[in-house]
Protein backbone atom coordinates (compact mmCIF):
# COMPACT_ATOMS: atom_id res chain seq x y z
CA MET A 1 0.00 0.02 0.00
CA ASN A 2 1.04 3.64 -0.44
CA PRO A 3 3.09 4.67 2.62
CA GLN A 4 2.86 8.35 1.59
CA VAL A 5 -0.89 8.41 2.06
CA ALA A 6 -1.51 9.05 5.77
CA GLY A 7 -3.82 11.00 7.95
CA GLU A 8 -4.79 11.76 11.53
CA LEU A 9 -8.45 11.91 12.41
CA ASP A 10 -9.78 14.48 14.93
CA ALA A 11 -13.51 14.83 15.04
CA ALA A 12 -16.30 16.12 17.35
CA VAL A 13 -19.39 14.53 15.79
CA GLU A 14 -22.81 15.82 16.48
CA VAL A 15 -25.69 14.35 14.43
CA GLU A 16 -29.41 14.64 15.14
CA ARG A 17 -31.85 12.33 13.45
CA GLY A 18 -35.31 12.52 14.84
CA SER A 19 -35.16 11.72 18.50
CA PHE A 20 -31.66 10.21 18.18
CA ARG A 21 -28.59 12.22 18.93
CA LEU A 22 -24.98 11.20 18.29
CA ASP A 23 -22.50 13.26 20.28
CA LEU A 24 -18.97 12.06 20.60
CA ASP A 25 -15.30 12.91 20.09
CA VAL A 26 -13.17 10.52 18.09
CA GLN A 27 -9.41 10.58 17.40
CA ALA A 28 -7.31 8.01 15.57
CA GLY A 29 -3.66 8.27 14.50
CA PRO A 30 -1.87 7.19 11.40
CA GLY A 31 -1.88 3.42 11.00
CA GLU A 32 -4.23 2.93 13.91
CA ILE A 33 -7.15 0.50 13.68
CA LEU A 34 -10.03 1.66 15.86
CA ALA A 35 -12.95 -0.80 16.35
CA VAL A 36 -16.33 0.74 17.03
CA LEU A 37 -18.70 -1.59 18.90
CA GLY A 38 -22.27 -1.12 20.08
CA PRO A 39 -25.71 -2.49 20.02
CA ASN A 40 -28.17 -1.85 17.20
CA GLY A 41 -29.08 1.82 17.26
CA ALA A 42 -25.99 2.92 19.13
CA GLY A 43 -24.90 5.20 16.34
CA LYS A 44 -22.03 3.16 14.72
CA THR A 45 -23.06 3.51 11.07
CA THR A 46 -24.22 7.05 11.67
CA LEU A 47 -20.71 7.92 12.80
CA LEU A 48 -19.17 6.40 9.69
CA ARG A 49 -21.61 8.11 7.37
CA ALA A 50 -20.89 11.46 9.03
CA LEU A 51 -17.16 11.09 8.65
CA ALA A 52 -17.57 10.07 5.02
CA GLY A 53 -19.73 13.11 4.26
CA LEU A 54 -22.76 11.07 3.52
CA LEU A 55 -24.68 12.53 6.49
CA PRO A 56 -24.49 16.22 7.51
CA LEU A 57 -23.27 17.22 10.94
CA SER A 58 -25.59 19.08 13.24
CA GLY A 59 -22.55 20.47 14.97
CA GLY A 60 -18.93 19.82 15.75
CA TYR A 61 -16.25 19.32 13.13
CA VAL A 62 -14.26 16.67 11.22
CA ARG A 63 -10.53 17.25 10.51
CA LEU A 64 -8.34 14.83 8.73
CA ASP A 65 -4.55 15.42 8.85
CA GLY A 66 -5.21 19.03 9.75
CA THR A 67 -7.67 19.70 6.82
CA VAL A 68 -11.23 20.62 7.83
CA LEU A 69 -13.69 18.35 6.08
CA ASP A 70 -16.82 19.46 7.85
CA ASP A 71 -17.61 22.36 10.19
CA PRO A 72 -21.15 23.68 10.11
CA ALA A 73 -20.38 26.63 12.26
CA ALA A 74 -17.63 27.82 9.85
CA GLY A 75 -19.63 26.94 6.75
CA VAL A 76 -17.24 24.30 5.66
CA TYR A 77 -18.26 21.08 3.90
CA LEU A 78 -16.25 18.88 1.55
CA ASP A 79 -18.35 16.43 -0.47
CA PRO A 80 -17.31 12.73 -0.30
CA PRO A 81 -15.15 12.47 -3.45
CA ARG A 82 -12.93 15.38 -2.16
CA ARG A 83 -12.46 13.90 1.36
CA ARG A 84 -10.04 11.11 0.39
CA VAL A 85 -11.99 8.80 2.58
CA GLY A 86 -12.38 5.11 1.56
CA VAL A 87 -15.54 3.27 2.60
CA VAL A 88 -16.29 -0.49 2.63
CA PHE A 89 -19.95 -1.11 3.22
CA GLN A 90 -21.45 -4.18 4.87
CA ASP A 91 -23.04 -5.41 1.54
CA TYR A 92 -19.94 -4.14 -0.42
CA ARG A 93 -22.15 -2.21 -2.92
CA LEU A 94 -20.32 -3.42 -5.99
CA PHE A 95 -22.02 -2.29 -9.20
CA PRO A 96 -23.55 -5.53 -10.50
CA ARG A 97 -23.34 -4.71 -14.24
CA MET A 98 -19.74 -3.55 -14.13
CA ARG A 99 -16.75 -5.92 -14.24
CA VAL A 100 -14.56 -6.04 -11.20
CA LEU A 101 -11.81 -3.94 -12.81
CA ASP A 102 -14.26 -1.11 -13.52
CA ASN A 103 -15.81 -1.30 -10.08
CA VAL A 104 -12.34 -0.68 -8.59
CA ALA A 105 -11.56 1.97 -11.17
CA CYS A 106 -14.58 4.04 -10.10
CA GLY A 107 -12.72 5.54 -7.15
CA PRO A 108 -9.89 7.05 -9.21
CA ARG A 109 -12.33 8.17 -11.89
CA SER A 110 -14.42 10.01 -9.34
CA ARG A 111 -11.24 12.06 -8.56
CA GLY A 112 -10.81 13.02 -12.19
CA VAL A 113 -8.26 10.38 -13.24
CA ASP A 114 -8.58 9.42 -16.94
CA ARG A 115 -10.09 5.95 -17.77
CA ALA A 116 -6.84 4.25 -18.84
CA SER A 117 -4.88 5.34 -15.77
CA ALA A 118 -7.83 4.52 -13.44
CA ARG A 119 -8.01 0.98 -14.85
CA HIS A 120 -4.25 0.49 -14.57
CA ALA A 121 -4.38 1.61 -10.88
CA ALA A 122 -7.38 -0.66 -10.30
CA GLN A 123 -5.54 -3.70 -11.64
CA GLN A 124 -2.58 -2.91 -9.41
CA TRP A 125 -4.79 -2.86 -6.32
CA LEU A 126 -6.55 -6.07 -7.32
CA ASP A 127 -3.13 -7.73 -7.76
CA ARG A 128 -2.02 -6.56 -4.31
CA LEU A 129 -5.06 -8.07 -2.69
CA ASP A 130 -4.54 -11.35 -4.55
CA VAL A 131 -7.67 -11.03 -6.80
CA GLY A 132 -6.12 -9.71 -9.90
CA GLU A 133 -7.24 -12.76 -11.92
CA LEU A 134 -10.90 -11.73 -11.18
CA ALA A 135 -10.67 -8.43 -13.08
CA ARG A 136 -12.92 -9.49 -15.97
CA ARG A 137 -15.67 -11.05 -13.77
CA ARG A 138 -18.86 -9.43 -12.59
CA PRO A 139 -19.73 -9.23 -8.84
CA GLY A 140 -22.36 -11.93 -9.18
CA GLN A 141 -19.64 -14.39 -10.09
CA LEU A 142 -17.63 -13.74 -6.89
CA SER A 143 -17.59 -15.58 -3.62
CA GLY A 144 -18.10 -13.67 -0.46
CA GLY A 145 -14.43 -13.53 0.40
CA GLN A 146 -13.65 -12.39 -3.14
CA ALA A 147 -16.22 -9.63 -3.10
CA GLN A 148 -14.87 -8.37 0.25
CA ARG A 149 -11.34 -8.08 -1.18
CA VAL A 150 -12.65 -6.38 -4.35
CA ALA A 151 -14.61 -3.85 -2.19
CA LEU A 152 -11.42 -3.18 -0.12
CA ALA A 153 -9.40 -2.69 -3.36
CA ARG A 154 -12.07 -0.17 -4.59
CA ALA A 155 -11.75 1.76 -1.33
CA LEU A 156 -7.97 1.75 -1.39
CA ALA A 157 -7.75 2.70 -5.05
CA THR A 158 -8.92 6.22 -4.14
CA GLU A 159 -5.63 6.53 -2.14
CA PRO A 160 -7.59 7.54 0.97
CA ARG A 161 -6.25 9.16 4.09
CA LEU A 162 -8.94 7.49 6.23
CA LEU A 163 -10.52 4.08 5.72
CA LEU A 164 -14.02 3.23 7.07
CA LEU A 165 -15.15 -0.32 7.31
CA ASP A 166 -18.85 -0.99 8.11
CA GLU A 167 -19.21 -4.60 9.21
CA PRO A 168 -16.94 -5.70 6.33
CA LEU A 169 -17.09 -9.41 7.23
CA ALA A 170 -20.79 -9.69 8.24
CA ALA A 171 -21.87 -11.16 4.92
CA LEU A 172 -19.41 -14.04 5.11
CA ASP A 173 -20.14 -17.47 6.42
CA ALA A 174 -18.24 -18.51 9.61
CA ARG A 175 -15.52 -20.51 7.80
CA THR A 176 -14.78 -17.83 5.22
CA ARG A 177 -14.88 -15.09 7.89
CA ALA A 178 -12.13 -16.79 9.90
CA THR A 179 -9.89 -16.87 6.84
CA VAL A 180 -10.59 -13.35 5.67
CA GLN A 181 -10.02 -11.94 9.20
CA GLY A 182 -6.35 -12.84 8.93
CA GLU A 183 -6.09 -11.51 5.46
CA LEU A 184 -7.81 -8.23 6.40
CA ARG A 185 -5.42 -7.64 9.28
CA GLU A 186 -2.48 -8.04 6.87
CA HIS A 187 -3.96 -5.62 4.40
CA LEU A 188 -4.72 -3.03 7.07
CA ALA A 189 -1.26 -3.33 8.55
CA GLY A 190 0.02 -1.80 5.29
CA PHE A 191 -2.36 1.11 5.29
CA ALA A 192 -0.72 4.32 6.59
CA GLY A 193 -3.86 6.18 7.57
CA PRO A 194 -6.33 5.58 10.45
CA THR A 195 -8.99 2.86 10.02
CA LEU A 196 -12.33 2.82 11.76
CA LEU A 197 -13.88 -0.69 11.87
CA VAL A 198 -17.50 -1.05 12.80
CA THR A 199 -18.43 -4.57 13.99
CA HIS A 200 -20.82 -6.48 16.17
CA ASP A 201 -18.27 -9.21 16.70
CA PRO A 202 -16.08 -8.79 19.80
CA LEU A 203 -13.66 -11.41 18.57
CA GLU A 204 -13.22 -9.50 15.36
CA ALA A 205 -12.48 -6.31 17.29
CA LEU A 206 -10.05 -8.10 19.55
CA LEU A 207 -8.18 -9.67 16.63
CA LEU A 208 -8.12 -6.67 14.38
CA ALA A 209 -8.06 -3.55 16.39
CA ASP A 210 -5.45 -1.52 18.21
CA ARG A 211 -8.12 0.19 20.25
CA ILE A 212 -11.80 -0.31 20.83
CA MET A 213 -14.53 2.32 21.31
CA ALA A 214 -17.94 1.10 22.67
CA LEU A 215 -21.04 3.20 21.92
CA GLU A 216 -24.46 3.08 23.57
CA ALA A 217 -27.29 5.44 22.72
CA GLY A 218 -25.04 7.81 20.75
CA ARG A 219 -22.38 8.26 23.40
CA ILE A 220 -19.03 6.69 24.18
CA VAL A 221 -19.30 4.40 27.18
CA GLN A 222 -15.81 2.98 27.14
CA GLN A 223 -12.62 2.98 25.05
CA GLY A 224 -9.19 1.55 25.47
CA SER A 225 -7.02 -1.35 24.32
CA PRO A 226 -8.64 -4.75 23.51
CA HIS A 227 -7.03 -6.16 26.71
CA ASP A 228 -8.39 -3.37 28.88
CA ILE A 229 -11.84 -3.58 27.40
CA ALA A 230 -12.01 -7.38 27.82
CA ALA A 231 -10.59 -7.36 31.33
CA ARG A 232 -12.46 -4.39 32.81
CA PRO A 233 -15.79 -3.69 31.16
CA VAL A 234 -17.78 -0.82 32.56
CA THR A 235 -21.38 -1.48 31.30
CA ASP A 236 -23.55 -4.56 31.06
CA TYR A 237 -23.45 -4.41 27.28
CA VAL A 238 -19.69 -4.41 27.10
CA ALA A 239 -19.47 -7.18 29.76
CA THR A 240 -21.90 -9.35 27.77
CA LEU A 241 -19.98 -8.58 24.59
CA VAL A 242 -16.68 -9.80 25.99
CA GLY A 243 -18.32 -12.64 27.95
CA VAL A 244 -17.50 -11.43 31.51
CA ASN A 245 -19.77 -11.46 34.64
CA LEU A 246 -20.06 -7.79 35.80
CA TYR A 247 -21.29 -6.65 39.17
CA ALA A 248 -21.59 -3.28 40.88
CA GLY A 249 -21.35 -2.66 44.60
CA VAL A 250 -19.52 -1.05 47.45
CA ALA A 251 -16.10 -2.27 48.62
CA THR A 252 -14.83 -2.24 52.17
CA GLY A 253 -11.88 -4.17 53.55
CA GLY A 254 -11.73 -6.77 50.71
CA ARG A 255 -15.51 -7.40 50.67
CA VAL A 256 -17.88 -6.04 48.02
CA GLU A 257 -21.60 -5.81 48.93
CA LEU A 258 -23.36 -6.15 45.58
CA ASP A 259 -26.23 -3.84 44.45
CA ASP A 260 -28.35 -6.74 43.35
CA GLY A 261 -27.75 -8.89 46.40
CA GLY A 262 -24.99 -11.10 47.70
CA ALA A 263 -21.27 -10.24 48.28
CA ILE A 264 -17.93 -11.13 46.71
CA MET A 265 -14.58 -11.21 48.46
CA ILE A 266 -11.74 -9.54 46.49
CA GLY A 267 -7.89 -9.65 46.80
CA ASP A 268 -7.51 -5.86 47.05
CA THR A 269 -8.30 -4.98 50.74
CA ALA A 270 -7.46 -1.33 50.18
CA LEU A 271 -10.04 -0.68 47.53
CA ALA A 272 -13.02 1.20 48.99
CA GLY A 273 -16.24 2.79 47.71
CA ARG A 274 -18.19 2.24 44.54
CA VAL A 275 -16.58 -0.49 42.40
CA LEU A 276 -17.19 -2.83 39.58
CA VAL A 277 -16.40 -6.49 39.87
CA ALA A 278 -15.50 -8.66 36.86
CA VAL A 279 -15.38 -12.40 36.93
CA ARG A 280 -14.53 -14.62 33.99
CA PRO A 281 -17.07 -17.47 33.42
CA SER A 282 -14.06 -19.89 33.32
CA ALA A 283 -12.96 -18.76 36.76
CA ILE A 284 -16.03 -20.17 38.45
CA THR A 285 -16.26 -23.79 39.54
CA VAL A 286 -19.60 -25.70 39.72
CA TYR A 287 -20.39 -28.21 42.43
CA THR A 288 -23.61 -30.27 42.91
CA SER A 289 -23.33 -30.17 46.71
CA ARG A 290 -21.75 -27.70 49.09
CA PRO A 291 -17.95 -28.26 48.99
CA ASP A 292 -15.34 -27.57 51.71
CA PRO A 293 -14.36 -23.89 51.29
CA GLY A 294 -10.70 -24.77 50.49
CA SER A 295 -8.90 -21.92 48.93
CA ALA A 296 -12.10 -20.35 47.30
CA ARG A 297 -13.19 -17.53 49.46
CA ASN A 298 -16.40 -17.05 47.41
CA LEU A 299 -18.96 -19.78 47.70
CA TRP A 300 -22.68 -19.37 47.06
CA PRO A 301 -25.72 -21.42 45.95
CA GLY A 302 -27.54 -21.10 42.64
CA ARG A 303 -29.86 -22.80 40.13
CA ILE A 304 -29.14 -23.54 36.47
CA ASP A 305 -31.53 -21.75 34.28
CA ALA A 306 -30.08 -22.62 30.87
CA LEU A 307 -27.17 -24.45 29.13
CA ALA A 308 -25.83 -23.49 25.72
CA PRO A 309 -22.90 -24.71 23.66
CA LEU A 310 -20.08 -22.18 23.24
CA GLY A 311 -17.21 -23.40 21.15
CA ASP A 312 -15.62 -26.46 22.98
CA ARG A 313 -17.41 -25.42 26.20
CA ILE A 314 -20.92 -25.37 27.70
CA ARG A 315 -22.05 -22.09 29.08
CA LEU A 316 -24.38 -22.22 32.08
CA SER A 317 -26.71 -19.41 33.08
CA VAL A 318 -27.09 -19.64 36.83
CA SER A 319 -29.47 -17.60 39.01
CA GLY A 320 -28.49 -16.73 42.52
CA SER A 321 -27.00 -13.99 44.56
CA PRO A 322 -25.21 -13.16 42.42
CA GLY A 323 -26.34 -14.78 39.20
CA ALA A 324 -23.53 -15.85 36.94
CA LEU A 325 -22.41 -17.25 33.55
CA VAL A 326 -20.21 -20.32 34.10
CA ASP A 327 -18.15 -22.17 31.48
CA VAL A 328 -17.67 -25.92 31.94
CA THR A 329 -16.61 -28.76 29.66
CA ALA A 330 -19.05 -31.09 28.01
CA PRO A 331 -17.72 -34.05 30.00
CA ALA A 332 -18.28 -32.12 33.20
CA VAL A 333 -21.92 -31.60 32.25
CA ALA A 334 -22.32 -35.28 31.80
CA GLU A 335 -20.37 -36.30 34.85
CA LEU A 336 -22.25 -33.92 37.20
CA SER A 337 -25.63 -34.45 35.53
CA LEU A 338 -25.96 -30.73 35.02
CA ALA A 339 -29.36 -29.69 33.73
CA ARG A 340 -31.84 -26.93 33.74
CA GLY A 341 -33.41 -26.53 37.13
CA ARG A 342 -30.48 -28.28 38.92
CA ASP A 343 -29.41 -26.73 42.27
CA VAL A 344 -25.62 -26.14 42.38
CA TRP A 345 -22.91 -24.39 44.29
CA LEU A 346 -20.58 -21.87 42.68
CA ALA A 347 -17.11 -21.09 43.90
CA THR A 348 -14.30 -18.73 42.82
CA LYS A 349 -11.13 -17.55 44.38
CA ALA A 350 -10.69 -13.94 45.40
CA THR A 351 -7.55 -13.78 43.31
CA GLU A 352 -9.64 -14.55 40.22
CA VAL A 353 -11.87 -11.58 40.83
CA ASP A 354 -10.95 -8.25 39.30
CA ALA A 355 -12.32 -5.23 41.12
CA TYR A 356 -11.87 -1.57 40.11
CA PRO A 357 -13.33 1.84 40.84
CA ASP A 358 -16.72 2.53 39.21
CA GLY A 359 -16.10 5.69 37.33
CA ARG A 360 -19.43 5.92 35.51
């Protein structure tokens, strides 16, 4: 990819659409991949459309590498072709009646490049993404993975300073998605500008992103490295997304009284006041009768409400004080005769519990 094409994004995005309001600040540096997560209606696609110039700002600004792209108060607005922003949509939006080569050439052509030069550049990008031999085909003749690479080639052919990916792998089946994830990370590693990746898939964000930003109801609720987000979620949505049990309560002397009932012992006896407590489902052990306390300082009864397969594990939803998600092996389910409605005991060590101040 072209190492001379780089950018730094600095934006304060305010968009009003009916009763919904998006209001957030977003920064991303050259070469950085920022994943944007959030439930349906959180404002993820609205953010990308605003940055691309496809949706007008109600307020704020968008600056890319120091150039103002949008600032309603100052009367500045650059239309999409002049922004040098590449976009890959969820459905790829390839023109069905155009051959692959001409689909990719559309980007350079929109910037005034002559037809022959645009097609030459398009072929180069297709070759770089290992789909050069597909140049004469039409989109309907492509597999999902091939269409994704062609869409990425079309975005990159504009020599963008910012790349926006809106659920770029959502249309792929599970097997193809796993393969293309690795390919996409390699392609993005060679892009010098910032990339914003919208996704519903936490694994995709963890694998591809340098930083994660979580949105809810048009606001940023958490952002940080993938490790920090996974280890210390701050909302129920983020906790569910990364598969962690999250509880809120008040800490005193190594004990947290939980808001929803029950208590959890933690290793940090100095932590005091409002805290959040995160416990991995794999850190909880299930027993069918009350065990000796042993080294587990947290022990409480519960009842299995549901069992569901999760990869090579079975995830239990257990009600109690507190309720918990618990991961066990399939052999353990059979050996312990675990089933819906079964009364169980749950245990976890204080050292397996992560407690941190509740800054919400």
